[in-house]
C-alpha atoms as a PDB file:
ATOM      1  CA  UNK A   1      -4.659  -6.726  24.872  1.00  0.00           C
ATOM      2  CA  UNK A   2      -3.591  -3.385  23.415  1.00  0.00           C
ATOM      3  CA  UNK A   3      -6.335  -1.193  21.976  1.00  0.00           C
ATOM      4  CA  UNK A   4      -5.457   1.435  19.400  1.00  0.00           C
ATOM      5  CA  UNK A   5      -7.723   4.154  18.111  1.00  0.00           C
ATOM      6  CA  UNK A   6      -6.788   6.827  15.577  1.00  0.00           C
ATOM      7  CA  UNK A   7      -7.993   8.998  12.707  1.00  0.00           C
ATOM      8  CA  UNK A   8      -6.140   9.059   9.366  1.00  0.00           C
ATOM      9  CA  UNK A   9      -6.191  12.879   9.478  1.00  0.00           C
ATOM     10  CA  UNK A  10      -4.153  12.811  12.705  1.00  0.00           C
ATOM     11  CA  UNK A  11      -1.486  10.331  11.595  1.00  0.00           C
ATOM     12  CA  UNK A  12       1.765  11.736  10.154  1.00  0.00           C
ATOM     13  CA  UNK A  13       2.899  11.064   6.601  1.00  0.00           C
ATOM     14  CA  UNK A  14       6.194   9.245   6.037  1.00  0.00           C
ATOM     15  CA  UNK A  15       7.966   9.907   2.749  1.00  0.00           C
ATOM     16  CA  UNK A  16       8.985   6.503   1.436  1.00  0.00           C
ATOM     17  CA  UNK A  17      10.799   7.937  -1.612  1.00  0.00           C
ATOM     18  CA  UNK A  18      10.125  10.741  -4.081  1.00  0.00           C
ATOM     19  CA  UNK A  19       6.508  10.493  -5.224  1.00  0.00           C
ATOM     20  CA  UNK A  20       5.462   7.939  -2.592  1.00  0.00           C
ATOM     21  CA  UNK A  21       4.276   8.582   0.953  1.00  0.00           C
ATOM     22  CA  UNK A  22       2.404   6.558   3.567  1.00  0.00           C
ATOM     23  CA  UNK A  23       0.568   6.611   6.878  1.00  0.00           C
ATOM     24  CA  UNK A  24       0.318   3.453   8.977  1.00  0.00           C
ATOM     25  CA  UNK A  25      -1.797   2.126  11.822  1.00  0.00           C
ATOM     26  CA  UNK A  26      -0.922  -1.130  13.515  1.00  0.00           C
ATOM     27  CA  UNK A  27      -2.348  -3.671  15.903  1.00  0.00           C
ATOM     28  CA  UNK A  28      -0.915  -6.784  17.484  1.00  0.00           C
ATOM     29  CA  UNK A  29      -1.075  -8.906  14.330  1.00  0.00           C
ATOM     30  CA  UNK A  30      -1.723  -6.644  11.347  1.00  0.00           C
ATOM     31  CA  UNK A  31      -0.768  -3.291   9.825  1.00  0.00           C
ATOM     32  CA  UNK A  32      -3.165  -1.013   7.937  1.00  0.00           C
ATOM     33  CA  UNK A  33      -1.467   1.522   5.653  1.00  0.00           C
ATOM     34  CA  UNK A  34      -2.635   4.413   3.481  1.00  0.00           C
ATOM     35  CA  UNK A  35      -0.408   5.233   0.498  1.00  0.00           C
ATOM     36  CA  UNK A  36      -0.250   8.046  -2.028  1.00  0.00           C
ATOM     37  CA  UNK A  37       1.636   7.422  -5.265  1.00  0.00           C
ATOM     38  CA  UNK A  38       2.184  10.351  -7.598  1.00  0.00           C
ATOM     39  CA  UNK A  39       1.912   9.955 -11.367  1.00  0.00           C
ATOM     40  CA  UNK A  40       5.305   9.250 -12.939  1.00  0.00           C
ATOM     41  CA  UNK A  41       6.846   8.035  -9.655  1.00  0.00           C
ATOM     42  CA  UNK A  42       9.559   5.429 -10.071  1.00  0.00           C
ATOM     43  CA  UNK A  43       8.011   1.970  -9.501  1.00  0.00           C
ATOM     44  CA  UNK A  44      10.166  -0.331  -7.399  1.00  0.00           C
ATOM     45  CA  UNK A  45       9.482  -4.052  -7.683  1.00  0.00           C
ATOM     46  CA  UNK A  46       9.830  -5.715  -4.292  1.00  0.00           C
ATOM     47  CA  UNK A  47       8.723  -8.688  -2.234  1.00  0.00           C
ATOM     48  CA  UNK A  48       8.240  -9.331   1.467  1.00  0.00           C
ATOM     49  CA  UNK A  49       7.148 -12.151   3.791  1.00  0.00           C
ATOM     50  CA  UNK A  50       3.727 -10.581   4.473  1.00  0.00           C
ATOM     51  CA  UNK A  51       0.343 -11.325   2.969  1.00  0.00           C
ATOM     52  CA  UNK A  52      -0.954  -8.022   1.572  1.00  0.00           C
ATOM     53  CA  UNK A  53      -4.469  -6.961   0.658  1.00  0.00           C
ATOM     54  CA  UNK A  54      -4.535  -3.811  -1.494  1.00  0.00           C
ATOM     55  CA  UNK A  55      -7.601  -1.591  -2.009  1.00  0.00           C
ATOM     56  CA  UNK A  56      -7.696   1.319  -4.474  1.00  0.00           C
ATOM     57  CA  UNK A  57      -9.545   4.380  -3.138  1.00  0.00           C
ATOM     58  CA  UNK A  58      -8.645   6.876  -5.903  1.00  0.00           C
ATOM     59  CA  UNK A  59      -6.762   6.835  -9.177  1.00  0.00           C
ATOM     60  CA  UNK A  60      -5.915   3.994 -11.533  1.00  0.00           C
ATOM     61  CA  UNK A  61      -2.947   1.639 -11.493  1.00  0.00           C
ATOM     62  CA  UNK A  62      -1.508  -1.412 -13.136  1.00  0.00           C
ATOM     63  CA  UNK A  63      -0.616  -3.756 -10.301  1.00  0.00           C
ATOM     64  CA  UNK A  64       2.146  -6.135 -11.298  1.00  0.00           C
ATOM     65  CA  UNK A  65       2.434  -9.445  -9.435  1.00  0.00           C
ATOM     66  CA  UNK A  66       5.176 -11.673 -10.804  1.00  0.00           C
ATOM     67  CA  UNK A  67       4.328 -11.923 -14.540  1.00  0.00           C
ATOM     68  CA  UNK A  68       0.661 -10.862 -14.257  1.00  0.00           C
ATOM     69  CA  UNK A  69      -0.753  -7.328 -14.531  1.00  0.00           C
ATOM     70  CA  UNK A  70      -4.080  -6.239 -13.028  1.00  0.00           C
ATOM     71  CA  UNK A  71      -5.702  -2.901 -13.942  1.00  0.00           C
ATOM     72  CA  UNK A  72      -7.266  -1.545 -10.744  1.00  0.00           C
ATOM     73  CA  UNK A  73      -9.686   1.370 -10.511  1.00  0.00           C
ATOM     74  CA  UNK A  74     -11.399   2.879  -7.439  1.00  0.00           C
ATOM     75  CA  UNK A  75     -13.013   0.076  -5.472  1.00  0.00           C
ATOM     76  CA  UNK A  76     -10.647  -2.531  -6.922  1.00  0.00           C
ATOM     77  CA  UNK A  77      -8.728  -4.819  -4.619  1.00  0.00           C
ATOM     78  CA  UNK A  78      -6.429  -7.804  -4.721  1.00  0.00           C
ATOM     79  CA  UNK A  79      -4.468 -10.157  -2.502  1.00  0.00           C
ATOM     80  CA  UNK A  80      -0.699 -10.448  -2.833  1.00  0.00           C
ATOM     81  CA  UNK A  81       0.619 -13.676  -1.305  1.00  0.00           C
ATOM     82  CA  UNK A  82       3.878 -13.530   0.667  1.00  0.00           C
ATOM     83  CA  UNK A  83       7.223 -13.519  -1.152  1.00  0.00           C
ATOM     84  CA  UNK A  84       5.940 -12.648  -4.644  1.00  0.00           C
ATOM     85  CA  UNK A  85       7.579  -9.812  -6.598  1.00  0.00           C
ATOM     86  CA  UNK A  86       5.093  -6.962  -7.060  1.00  0.00           C
ATOM     87  CA  UNK A  87       4.596  -3.218  -7.560  1.00  0.00           C
ATOM     88  CA  UNK A  88       1.965  -0.649  -8.508  1.00  0.00           C
ATOM     89  CA  UNK A  89       2.346   1.638 -11.510  1.00  0.00           C
ATOM     90  CA  UNK A  90       0.123   4.739 -11.653  1.00  0.00           C
ATOM     91  CA  UNK A  91      -1.880   5.079 -14.883  1.00  0.00           C
ATOM     92  CA  UNK A  92      -2.833   8.601 -15.947  1.00  0.00           C
ATOM     93  CA  UNK A  93      -2.312  11.906 -14.158  1.00  0.00           C
ATOM     94  CA  UNK A  94      -4.366  11.324 -10.992  1.00  0.00           C
ATOM     95  CA  UNK A  95      -2.709  10.577  -7.656  1.00  0.00           C
ATOM     96  CA  UNK A  96      -3.216   6.951  -6.628  1.00  0.00           C
ATOM     97  CA  UNK A  97      -4.556   6.480  -3.101  1.00  0.00           C
ATOM     98  CA  UNK A  98      -4.518   2.920  -1.880  1.00  0.00           C
ATOM     99  CA  UNK A  99      -4.939   1.140   1.417  1.00  0.00           C
ATOM    100  CA  UNK A 100      -2.972  -1.978   2.334  1.00  0.00           C
ATOM    101  CA  UNK A 101      -3.478  -4.540   5.070  1.00  0.00           C
ATOM    102  CA  UNK A 102      -0.437  -6.636   5.982  1.00  0.00           C
ATOM    103  CA  UNK A 103      -0.288  -9.763   8.121  1.00  0.00           C
ATOM    104  CA  UNK A 104       1.604 -10.272  10.261  1.00  0.00           C
ATOM    105  CA  UNK A 105       2.212  -6.644  11.226  1.00  0.00           C
ATOM    106  CA  UNK A 106       5.097  -4.755   9.654  1.00  0.00           C
ATOM    107  CA  UNK A 107       7.411  -3.768  12.476  1.00  0.00           C
ATOM    108  CA  UNK A 108       9.290  -1.308  10.232  1.00  0.00           C
ATOM    109  CA  UNK A 109       6.069   0.717   9.818  1.00  0.00           C
ATOM    110  CA  UNK A 110       5.799   1.219  13.599  1.00  0.00           C
ATOM    111  CA  UNK A 111       7.590   4.279  14.898  1.00  0.00           C
END
C-alpha cells in the first residue's frame, strides 16, 4: 500500500490552458484535483472514461452535461458519469474554484 500525504499549498499549479490551472493529488485508485477557472476563459467541451464528482468551493458556474445545464454555487456538487460530454462555464466575474474526484485515477495528472 502506498500512503500519500500533502497540503494543497505545497502542490504546484499546472497551467492547463489560458485561464485554467490545476493542482492534483492521487492515490492508487482515485485522483483529487483543485481547479481555478478565470471568468471569460474559453470553455472546452470534453469527455473521458472516468467518473467525476465536482464540488464548487468559490464562484458560480453553469455546468453543462450533454444537453443539461446545472447552475452551481459554492457548496454545489454533481456527479458526471463516464464518457458524457461536459464542461464548466464561469458565470460572473469571480474566479471559479472547484474540486474534482476522478475514479479510476487519472494517470496524465501524475507527474
